[in-house]
Amino acid sequence: MARTLSDCQLIERSIITTYREELWQPFIDSLNRYQLIAPGDRITVCISGGKDSMLLAKLMQEVQRHGNIPFENEFLVMDPGYLPENRARIEENAERLAIPVRILDSKIFDIAYSQEKGSCYLCAKMRRGFLYHHAQELGCNKIALGHHFDDVIETTVMSMFYSSQIRAMLPKLHSDNFAGMELIRPLYQVHEKDIIRWANRHELRFLQCACRFTEASAGAEDGYGPSKRREIKQLIASLKKETPDLDQSIFNSIHAVCLDTMPGWKTKGESHSFLEHYGEA
């Protein structure tokens, strides 16, 4: 007699069957390509309540259960001051997906919104610091964030358009302020459209944007609302109509930077010019 699977088990199974090529394989490829997990790691998976971090939590659960690298997960939700209905949705989704979340309260929204300028930057900085601090308290050596393929290429284009620099988002990096801690991005090669398809298939309703500054975004058709990132997202989507592989080309380009053709670059905080070596044999 065939075993009847629970709702959660069906969702988990779809990740490694129905969406194997779209979700599971690029996730595993990222882990291997960028050496994101090592034996003995204890990783805090940071959950915001959105589709990306919730999928990340399930993927990290699955690779811990079925992978060949022994490591441990902690699932941390930092509540910076969510509205009650947003916190309730996080708790409901965590229960449905069988993610054993640990929810910690903070006053970060209140502090950030009390500032007239730089609130988004301050909020992001404080949230990252909070996560690192509590991850260390839990005995973890890494935190995992849900940034995906689209975040990577959009950040690259945004830095060129609005910051006058070519700057990418690394798949992992060492913390400057928390000794021995690393940040990893296991969804680095997972496309957002595939995350959305997986969520829609199972009628999963995640937070879209719980920030008080941008709560209007949650009601927007695409979940983003007015922002520079949304502009870049729309631009890339428009260009892909004529050049379908354009997003992949942007992604590939940050893995193949030709410094010999660059008039200037920065490394370890120092600026360099091609003139330093111009004329050398």
Protein backbone atom coordinates (compact mmCIF):
# COMPACT_ATOMS: atom_id res chain seq x y z
CA MET A 1 0.00 0.00 0.00
CA ALA A 2 1.42 3.36 -1.08
CA ARG A 3 2.37 5.73 1.71
CA THR A 4 0.41 8.98 1.80
CA LEU A 5 2.69 12.00 1.95
CA SER A 6 1.93 15.00 4.11
CA ASP A 7 1.62 18.51 2.68
CA CYS A 8 5.13 19.34 3.88
CA GLN A 9 6.58 16.16 2.40
CA LEU A 10 5.00 16.93 -0.97
CA ILE A 11 6.55 20.40 -0.90
CA GLU A 12 9.94 18.94 0.00
CA ARG A 13 9.72 16.25 -2.65
CA SER A 14 8.90 18.81 -5.37
CA ILE A 15 12.22 20.54 -4.69
CA ILE A 16 14.26 17.47 -5.68
CA THR A 17 11.87 16.08 -8.32
CA THR A 18 9.63 18.59 -10.13
CA TYR A 19 12.05 21.48 -9.62
CA ARG A 20 15.26 19.51 -9.53
CA GLU A 21 16.85 21.34 -12.49
CA GLU A 22 15.54 24.76 -11.48
CA LEU A 23 16.11 24.71 -7.69
CA TRP A 24 17.98 21.71 -6.32
CA GLN A 25 20.72 21.42 -8.96
CA PRO A 26 21.76 25.10 -9.05
CA PHE A 27 21.71 25.12 -5.24
CA ILE A 28 24.03 22.10 -5.09
CA ASP A 29 26.20 23.55 -7.87
CA SER A 30 26.62 26.75 -5.85
CA LEU A 31 27.58 24.83 -2.71
CA ASN A 32 30.25 22.95 -4.67
CA ARG A 33 31.46 25.69 -7.00
CA TYR A 34 32.03 28.23 -4.24
CA GLN A 35 32.81 25.76 -1.42
CA LEU A 36 30.08 27.20 0.80
CA ILE A 37 29.75 24.35 3.32
CA ALA A 38 32.55 22.45 5.06
CA PRO A 39 32.44 19.48 7.45
CA GLY A 40 31.69 20.58 10.99
CA ASP A 41 30.04 23.87 10.01
CA ARG A 42 27.24 25.18 12.17
CA ILE A 43 25.18 27.52 10.01
CA THR A 44 22.54 30.05 10.97
CA VAL A 45 20.00 30.19 8.16
CA CYS A 46 18.56 33.71 8.33
CA ILE A 47 14.84 33.84 7.57
CA SER A 48 13.11 37.12 6.77
CA GLY A 49 9.77 35.51 5.96
CA GLY A 50 10.04 36.02 2.21
CA LYS A 51 10.00 33.33 -0.47
CA ASP A 52 13.78 33.29 -0.91
CA SER A 53 14.80 32.72 2.70
CA MET A 54 12.02 30.17 3.27
CA LEU A 55 13.12 28.16 0.23
CA LEU A 56 16.72 28.46 1.41
CA ALA A 57 15.71 26.96 4.75
CA LYS A 58 14.12 23.95 3.04
CA LEU A 59 17.13 23.44 0.77
CA MET A 60 19.50 23.60 3.72
CA GLN A 61 17.34 21.07 5.56
CA GLU A 62 17.38 18.71 2.59
CA VAL A 63 21.13 18.89 2.00
CA GLN A 64 21.78 18.33 5.70
CA ARG A 65 19.56 15.24 5.63
CA HIS A 66 20.73 13.74 2.35
CA GLY A 67 24.11 15.33 1.59
CA ASN A 68 27.55 13.83 2.29
CA ILE A 69 28.92 16.78 4.31
CA PRO A 70 28.17 16.66 8.05
CA PHE A 71 27.04 20.06 9.30
CA GLU A 72 24.33 21.61 11.47
CA ASN A 73 21.62 24.22 10.84
CA GLU A 74 20.01 26.82 13.06
CA PHE A 75 16.98 28.65 11.66
CA LEU A 76 16.81 32.22 12.93
CA VAL A 77 14.05 34.77 12.37
CA MET A 78 14.92 38.27 13.50
CA ASP A 79 11.74 40.26 14.13
CA PRO A 80 12.82 43.90 13.74
CA GLY A 81 9.31 45.11 14.58
CA TYR A 82 7.01 43.42 12.07
CA LEU A 83 3.30 44.13 12.10
CA PRO A 84 1.45 41.34 13.98
CA GLU A 85 -0.05 39.92 10.80
CA ASN A 86 3.39 39.67 9.16
CA ARG A 87 4.89 37.87 12.13
CA ALA A 88 1.90 35.52 12.20
CA ARG A 89 2.44 34.64 8.55
CA ILE A 90 6.08 33.79 9.20
CA GLU A 91 5.07 31.52 12.06
CA GLU A 92 2.34 29.84 9.99
CA ASN A 93 4.65 29.20 7.05
CA ALA A 94 7.40 27.87 9.30
CA GLU A 95 4.92 25.43 10.84
CA ARG A 96 3.59 24.32 7.46
CA LEU A 97 7.12 23.81 6.11
CA ALA A 98 8.36 22.13 9.31
CA ILE A 99 11.15 24.64 9.80
CA PRO A 100 12.08 24.82 13.51
CA VAL A 101 12.57 28.59 13.65
CA ARG A 102 13.96 30.52 16.56
CA ILE A 103 12.36 34.01 16.63
CA LEU A 104 14.23 36.85 18.32
CA ASP A 105 12.76 40.30 18.86
CA SER A 106 14.53 43.59 18.27
CA LYS A 107 13.70 47.31 18.00
CA ILE A 108 15.61 47.84 14.77
CA PHE A 109 12.67 49.27 12.80
CA ASP A 110 11.95 51.82 15.53
CA ILE A 111 15.60 52.89 15.70
CA ALA A 112 16.07 53.07 11.93
CA TYR A 113 12.84 54.96 11.30
CA SER A 114 13.70 57.55 13.94
CA GLN A 115 16.51 58.74 11.65
CA GLU A 116 15.69 61.30 8.99
CA LYS A 117 18.38 60.11 6.59
CA GLY A 118 20.03 56.82 5.81
CA SER A 119 17.29 54.73 7.38
CA CYS A 120 17.49 51.88 4.85
CA TYR A 121 21.28 51.68 5.14
CA LEU A 122 21.15 51.88 8.93
CA CYS A 123 18.40 49.26 9.11
CA ALA A 124 20.33 46.84 6.88
CA LYS A 125 23.56 47.37 8.83
CA MET A 126 21.84 46.82 12.17
CA ARG A 127 20.01 43.73 10.97
CA ARG A 128 23.22 42.17 9.65
CA GLY A 129 25.01 42.91 12.92
CA PHE A 130 22.13 41.42 14.92
CA LEU A 131 22.24 38.23 12.88
CA TYR A 132 26.00 37.83 13.19
CA HIS A 133 25.89 38.47 16.93
CA HIS A 134 23.17 35.94 17.66
CA ALA A 135 24.64 33.40 15.24
CA GLN A 136 27.85 33.53 17.27
CA GLU A 137 25.87 33.12 20.49
CA LEU A 138 24.33 29.98 18.99
CA GLY A 139 27.80 28.61 18.34
CA CYS A 140 27.61 29.09 14.56
CA ASN A 141 30.48 30.00 12.27
CA LYS A 142 28.42 31.01 9.24
CA ILE A 143 25.20 32.80 8.38
CA ALA A 144 23.29 31.93 5.18
CA LEU A 145 21.26 34.58 3.36
CA GLY A 146 18.69 34.13 0.60
CA HIS A 147 20.19 36.31 -2.14
CA HIS A 148 19.61 34.67 -5.51
CA PHE A 149 20.84 34.91 -9.13
CA ASP A 150 18.65 37.93 -9.92
CA ASP A 151 19.91 39.80 -6.86
CA VAL A 152 23.47 39.18 -8.05
CA ILE A 153 23.04 40.56 -11.56
CA GLU A 154 20.78 43.43 -10.50
CA THR A 155 23.32 44.52 -7.89
CA THR A 156 26.06 44.45 -10.54
CA VAL A 157 24.10 46.64 -12.95
CA MET A 158 22.90 48.99 -10.20
CA SER A 159 26.48 49.59 -9.06
CA MET A 160 27.45 50.62 -12.60
CA PHE A 161 24.42 52.85 -13.15
CA TYR A 162 24.13 54.51 -9.76
CA SER A 163 27.46 54.09 -7.93
CA SER A 164 29.97 54.61 -10.75
CA GLN A 165 31.73 51.32 -10.08
CA ILE A 166 31.71 47.72 -11.23
CA ARG A 167 30.88 45.87 -8.05
CA ALA A 168 29.45 42.38 -7.67
CA MET A 169 27.91 40.39 -4.81
CA LEU A 170 30.22 37.61 -3.62
CA PRO A 171 28.87 34.09 -2.95
CA LYS A 172 30.68 34.15 0.40
CA LEU A 173 32.73 36.59 2.44
CA HIS A 174 34.39 36.93 5.81
CA SER A 175 32.85 39.27 8.36
CA ASP A 176 34.90 42.40 9.10
CA ASN A 177 33.44 42.82 12.58
CA PHE A 178 32.81 39.28 13.83
CA ALA A 179 35.98 37.21 13.94
CA GLY A 180 35.69 33.73 12.49
CA MET A 181 32.27 34.37 10.95
CA GLU A 182 31.40 34.00 7.27
CA LEU A 183 28.36 34.95 5.20
CA ILE A 184 27.28 32.50 2.48
CA ARG A 185 24.70 32.79 -0.33
CA PRO A 186 23.64 29.26 -1.36
CA LEU A 187 20.93 30.50 -3.78
CA TYR A 188 23.59 32.31 -5.85
CA GLN A 189 22.68 30.44 -9.06
CA VAL A 190 18.93 29.99 -8.42
CA HIS A 191 16.66 32.18 -10.56
CA GLU A 192 13.88 34.14 -8.90
CA LYS A 193 11.26 33.08 -11.44
CA ASP A 194 11.78 29.45 -10.43
CA ILE A 195 11.38 30.27 -6.75
CA ILE A 196 8.10 32.01 -7.60
CA ARG A 197 6.90 29.01 -9.64
CA TRP A 198 7.64 26.65 -6.75
CA ALA A 199 5.83 28.90 -4.25
CA ASN A 200 2.81 29.34 -6.52
CA ARG A 201 2.54 25.61 -7.22
CA HIS A 202 2.06 24.95 -3.51
CA GLU A 203 -0.02 28.10 -2.88
CA LEU A 204 2.56 29.38 -0.43
CA ARG A 205 2.04 33.00 0.58
CA PHE A 206 5.19 34.61 1.90
CA LEU A 207 6.00 38.14 2.99
CA GLN A 208 6.87 40.30 0.02
CA CYS A 209 8.14 43.37 1.81
CA ALA A 210 7.64 43.97 5.52
CA CYS A 211 9.68 47.17 5.73
CA ARG A 212 7.59 50.09 6.98
CA PHE A 213 9.20 52.43 4.44
CA THR A 214 8.16 50.21 1.55
CA GLU A 215 5.03 48.42 2.73
CA ALA A 216 3.31 49.79 -0.37
CA SER A 217 5.48 47.36 -2.31
CA ALA A 218 3.62 44.40 -0.84
CA GLY A 219 0.52 45.56 -2.68
CA ALA A 220 2.32 46.07 -5.97
CA GLU A 221 1.66 43.53 -8.69
CA ASP A 222 5.31 42.42 -8.79
CA GLY A 223 5.89 42.76 -5.05
CA TYR A 224 8.60 45.39 -5.45
CA GLY A 225 6.95 48.76 -5.84
CA PRO A 226 8.90 51.86 -6.92
CA SER A 227 12.65 51.48 -6.39
CA LYS A 228 15.95 51.56 -8.26
CA ARG A 229 16.14 47.79 -8.04
CA ARG A 230 12.71 47.53 -9.61
CA GLU A 231 13.84 49.80 -12.45
CA ILE A 232 16.82 47.56 -13.13
CA LYS A 233 14.66 44.43 -12.88
CA GLN A 234 12.29 45.85 -15.50
CA LEU A 235 15.17 46.97 -17.74
CA ILE A 236 16.75 43.51 -17.72
CA ALA A 237 13.38 41.86 -18.40
CA SER A 238 12.85 44.21 -21.35
CA LEU A 239 16.29 43.54 -22.83
CA LYS A 240 15.84 39.79 -22.40
CA LYS A 241 12.97 39.91 -24.91
CA GLU A 242 15.56 40.49 -27.64
CA THR A 243 18.49 38.75 -25.94
CA PRO A 244 17.19 35.85 -23.82
CA ASP A 245 20.61 34.98 -22.38
CA LEU A 246 21.43 38.55 -21.34
CA ASP A 247 21.05 37.86 -17.61
CA GLN A 248 23.35 34.85 -17.85
CA SER A 249 25.89 36.97 -19.74
CA ILE A 250 25.91 39.52 -16.91
CA PHE A 251 26.39 36.71 -14.40
CA ASN A 252 29.20 35.14 -16.45
CA SER A 253 30.93 38.50 -16.85
CA ILE A 254 31.56 38.90 -13.11
CA HIS A 255 33.40 35.57 -13.21
CA ALA A 256 35.62 36.68 -16.11
CA VAL A 257 36.75 40.25 -15.38
CA CYS A 258 39.68 41.12 -17.66
CA LEU A 259 41.82 43.42 -15.51
CA ASP A 260 44.25 43.91 -18.41
CA THR A 261 41.56 45.96 -20.15
CA MET A 262 40.56 48.06 -17.12
CA PRO A 263 42.00 51.59 -16.76
CA GLY A 264 41.43 51.37 -13.01
CA TRP A 265 40.39 48.97 -10.26
CA LYS A 266 40.27 48.57 -6.51
CA THR A 267 41.52 45.74 -4.37
CA LYS A 268 41.71 45.52 -0.57
CA GLY A 269 40.52 49.12 -0.39
CA GLU A 270 43.32 50.51 -2.57
CA SER A 271 42.88 52.11 -5.99
CA HIS A 272 45.13 51.09 -8.88
CA SER A 273 45.70 52.39 -12.42
CA PHE A 274 46.79 50.61 -15.58
CA LEU A 275 49.62 53.18 -15.71
CA GLU A 276 51.35 51.39 -12.81
CA HIS A 277 52.37 48.63 -15.20
CA TYR A 278 52.02 50.36 -18.56
CA GLY A 279 55.07 49.87 -20.73
CA GLU A 280 56.34 46.85 -18.81
CA ALA A 281 57.49 43.92 -20.92
